[in-house]
Amino acid sequence: MAMTIDADACTACGTCEDDCPNGAIRMKGDTCIINAALCNECDGFADEPRCLMGCPADAILPA
């Protein structure tokens, strides 16, 4: 299941985009979005999704 981003809370800092090992996150306008087809919640890379751990605005949410 893919993570999601709360656009109202996202500060568009880009940390999640940099942290994503799957390239599932990109900027769209003044927020980030997650491509659900590419997001595997960092399975095989980390114990928790890297974007969730790194987001300073707590804008990353489980789907």
N, C-alpha and C. Protein backbone atom coordinates (compact mmCIF):
# COMPACT_ATOMS: atom_id res chain seq x y z
N MET A 1 0.84 -1.17 0.00
CA MET A 1 0.00 0.00 0.00
C MET A 1 0.89 1.24 0.00
N ALA A 2 0.53 2.25 -0.73
CA ALA A 2 1.35 3.44 -0.88
C ALA A 2 1.07 4.47 0.21
N MET A 3 2.08 5.27 0.50
CA MET A 3 1.93 6.39 1.41
C MET A 3 1.23 7.52 0.65
N THR A 4 0.71 8.50 1.38
CA THR A 4 0.10 9.68 0.76
C THR A 4 0.68 10.92 1.43
N ILE A 5 0.47 12.06 0.79
CA ILE A 5 0.95 13.33 1.33
C ILE A 5 -0.23 14.25 1.54
N ASP A 6 -0.32 14.80 2.74
CA ASP A 6 -1.34 15.80 3.07
C ASP A 6 -0.88 17.12 2.46
N ALA A 7 -1.48 17.52 1.36
CA ALA A 7 -1.07 18.72 0.64
C ALA A 7 -1.19 19.98 1.49
N ASP A 8 -2.12 20.01 2.41
CA ASP A 8 -2.27 21.18 3.28
C ASP A 8 -1.13 21.31 4.27
N ALA A 9 -0.53 20.19 4.66
CA ALA A 9 0.56 20.21 5.63
C ALA A 9 1.93 20.26 4.95
N CYS A 10 2.01 19.84 3.69
CA CYS A 10 3.29 19.78 2.98
C CYS A 10 3.88 21.17 2.78
N THR A 11 5.16 21.31 3.12
CA THR A 11 5.86 22.58 2.95
C THR A 11 6.71 22.60 1.68
N ALA A 12 6.66 21.51 0.90
CA ALA A 12 7.42 21.39 -0.35
C ALA A 12 8.92 21.54 -0.15
N CYS A 13 9.41 21.03 0.96
CA CYS A 13 10.85 21.12 1.24
C CYS A 13 11.67 20.17 0.38
N GLY A 14 11.03 19.10 -0.13
CA GLY A 14 11.71 18.15 -0.99
C GLY A 14 12.44 17.03 -0.28
N THR A 15 12.41 17.01 1.04
CA THR A 15 13.09 15.96 1.80
C THR A 15 12.58 14.58 1.41
N CYS A 16 11.27 14.43 1.30
CA CYS A 16 10.69 13.13 0.96
C CYS A 16 11.14 12.67 -0.42
N GLU A 17 11.20 13.60 -1.36
CA GLU A 17 11.63 13.27 -2.72
C GLU A 17 13.07 12.75 -2.70
N ASP A 18 13.92 13.40 -1.94
CA ASP A 18 15.32 12.99 -1.83
C ASP A 18 15.46 11.65 -1.10
N ASP A 19 14.59 11.40 -0.12
CA ASP A 19 14.68 10.19 0.69
C ASP A 19 14.12 8.95 0.01
N CYS A 20 13.27 9.09 -0.99
CA CYS A 20 12.57 7.96 -1.60
C CYS A 20 13.51 7.12 -2.48
N PRO A 21 13.74 5.86 -2.11
CA PRO A 21 14.63 5.02 -2.91
C PRO A 21 14.00 4.52 -4.21
N ASN A 22 12.69 4.69 -4.35
CA ASN A 22 11.98 4.20 -5.53
C ASN A 22 11.66 5.28 -6.55
N GLY A 23 11.98 6.52 -6.25
CA GLY A 23 11.64 7.61 -7.15
C GLY A 23 10.14 7.82 -7.29
N ALA A 24 9.40 7.50 -6.21
CA ALA A 24 7.94 7.57 -6.25
C ALA A 24 7.40 8.96 -5.91
N ILE A 25 8.26 9.84 -5.44
CA ILE A 25 7.80 11.17 -5.00
C ILE A 25 8.37 12.24 -5.90
N ARG A 26 7.51 13.20 -6.27
CA ARG A 26 7.97 14.33 -7.09
C ARG A 26 7.19 15.57 -6.71
N MET A 27 7.74 16.70 -7.09
CA MET A 27 7.07 17.97 -6.87
C MET A 27 5.98 18.15 -7.92
N LYS A 28 4.85 18.69 -7.48
CA LYS A 28 3.78 19.08 -8.40
C LYS A 28 3.23 20.38 -7.86
N GLY A 29 3.53 21.45 -8.55
CA GLY A 29 3.13 22.77 -8.07
C GLY A 29 3.89 23.09 -6.79
N ASP A 30 3.16 23.44 -5.74
CA ASP A 30 3.82 23.79 -4.48
C ASP A 30 3.61 22.72 -3.41
N THR A 31 3.54 21.47 -3.85
CA THR A 31 3.45 20.33 -2.93
C THR A 31 4.13 19.13 -3.58
N CYS A 32 4.30 18.08 -2.82
CA CYS A 32 4.85 16.84 -3.33
C CYS A 32 3.71 15.84 -3.50
N ILE A 33 3.88 14.92 -4.45
CA ILE A 33 2.89 13.86 -4.65
C ILE A 33 3.63 12.53 -4.72
N ILE A 34 2.90 11.46 -4.38
CA ILE A 34 3.47 10.12 -4.41
C ILE A 34 2.77 9.31 -5.50
N ASN A 35 3.56 8.69 -6.36
CA ASN A 35 3.04 7.79 -7.38
C ASN A 35 2.82 6.44 -6.70
N ALA A 36 1.56 6.09 -6.48
CA ALA A 36 1.22 4.87 -5.75
C ALA A 36 1.73 3.62 -6.44
N ALA A 37 1.89 3.65 -7.74
CA ALA A 37 2.38 2.48 -8.47
C ALA A 37 3.86 2.21 -8.17
N LEU A 38 4.59 3.23 -7.76
CA LEU A 38 6.02 3.07 -7.46
C LEU A 38 6.31 2.92 -5.97
N CYS A 39 5.41 3.38 -5.13
CA CYS A 39 5.64 3.35 -3.68
C CYS A 39 5.39 1.96 -3.12
N ASN A 40 6.40 1.41 -2.44
CA ASN A 40 6.24 0.13 -1.76
C ASN A 40 6.54 0.27 -0.27
N GLU A 41 6.43 1.51 0.23
CA GLU A 41 6.69 1.85 1.64
C GLU A 41 8.09 1.43 2.07
N CYS A 42 9.03 1.50 1.14
CA CYS A 42 10.45 1.22 1.37
C CYS A 42 10.73 -0.22 1.78
N ASP A 43 9.85 -1.13 1.39
CA ASP A 43 10.05 -2.54 1.68
C ASP A 43 11.38 -2.99 1.07
N GLY A 44 12.23 -3.55 1.88
CA GLY A 44 13.55 -3.98 1.44
C GLY A 44 14.61 -2.91 1.57
N PHE A 45 14.22 -1.68 1.91
CA PHE A 45 15.17 -0.57 2.07
C PHE A 45 15.28 -0.11 3.52
N ALA A 46 14.15 -0.10 4.23
CA ALA A 46 14.12 0.41 5.60
C ALA A 46 12.95 -0.22 6.35
N ASP A 47 13.02 -0.15 7.68
CA ASP A 47 11.96 -0.71 8.52
C ASP A 47 10.67 0.11 8.43
N GLU A 48 10.81 1.41 8.19
CA GLU A 48 9.68 2.31 8.03
C GLU A 48 9.89 3.09 6.74
N PRO A 49 8.83 3.62 6.15
CA PRO A 49 9.02 4.44 4.95
C PRO A 49 9.95 5.63 5.24
N ARG A 50 10.93 5.80 4.40
CA ARG A 50 11.90 6.88 4.60
C ARG A 50 11.25 8.25 4.58
N CYS A 51 10.26 8.42 3.71
CA CYS A 51 9.59 9.72 3.62
C CYS A 51 8.88 10.05 4.94
N LEU A 52 8.28 9.05 5.55
CA LEU A 52 7.59 9.22 6.82
C LEU A 52 8.57 9.63 7.91
N MET A 53 9.71 8.98 7.94
CA MET A 53 10.72 9.28 8.96
C MET A 53 11.36 10.65 8.76
N GLY A 54 11.48 11.09 7.50
CA GLY A 54 12.21 12.31 7.22
C GLY A 54 11.39 13.58 7.11
N CYS A 55 10.08 13.48 6.99
CA CYS A 55 9.25 14.66 6.76
C CYS A 55 9.22 15.58 7.99
N PRO A 56 9.74 16.79 7.87
CA PRO A 56 9.74 17.70 9.02
C PRO A 56 8.36 18.29 9.33
N ALA A 57 7.42 18.18 8.38
CA ALA A 57 6.08 18.76 8.57
C ALA A 57 5.05 17.70 8.97
N ASP A 58 5.49 16.44 9.12
CA ASP A 58 4.56 15.34 9.42
C ASP A 58 3.40 15.29 8.43
N ALA A 59 3.72 15.50 7.15
CA ALA A 59 2.70 15.53 6.10
C ALA A 59 2.51 14.18 5.41
N ILE A 60 3.34 13.21 5.74
CA ILE A 60 3.24 11.88 5.13
C ILE A 60 2.29 11.02 5.94
N LEU A 61 1.36 10.38 5.23
CA LEU A 61 0.36 9.57 5.89
C LEU A 61 0.26 8.19 5.25
N PRO A 62 -0.06 7.15 6.03
CA PRO A 62 -0.32 5.86 5.41
C PRO A 62 -1.60 5.94 4.59
N ALA A 63 -1.64 5.24 3.48
CA ALA A 63 -2.84 5.28 2.63
C ALA A 63 -4.00 4.61 3.28
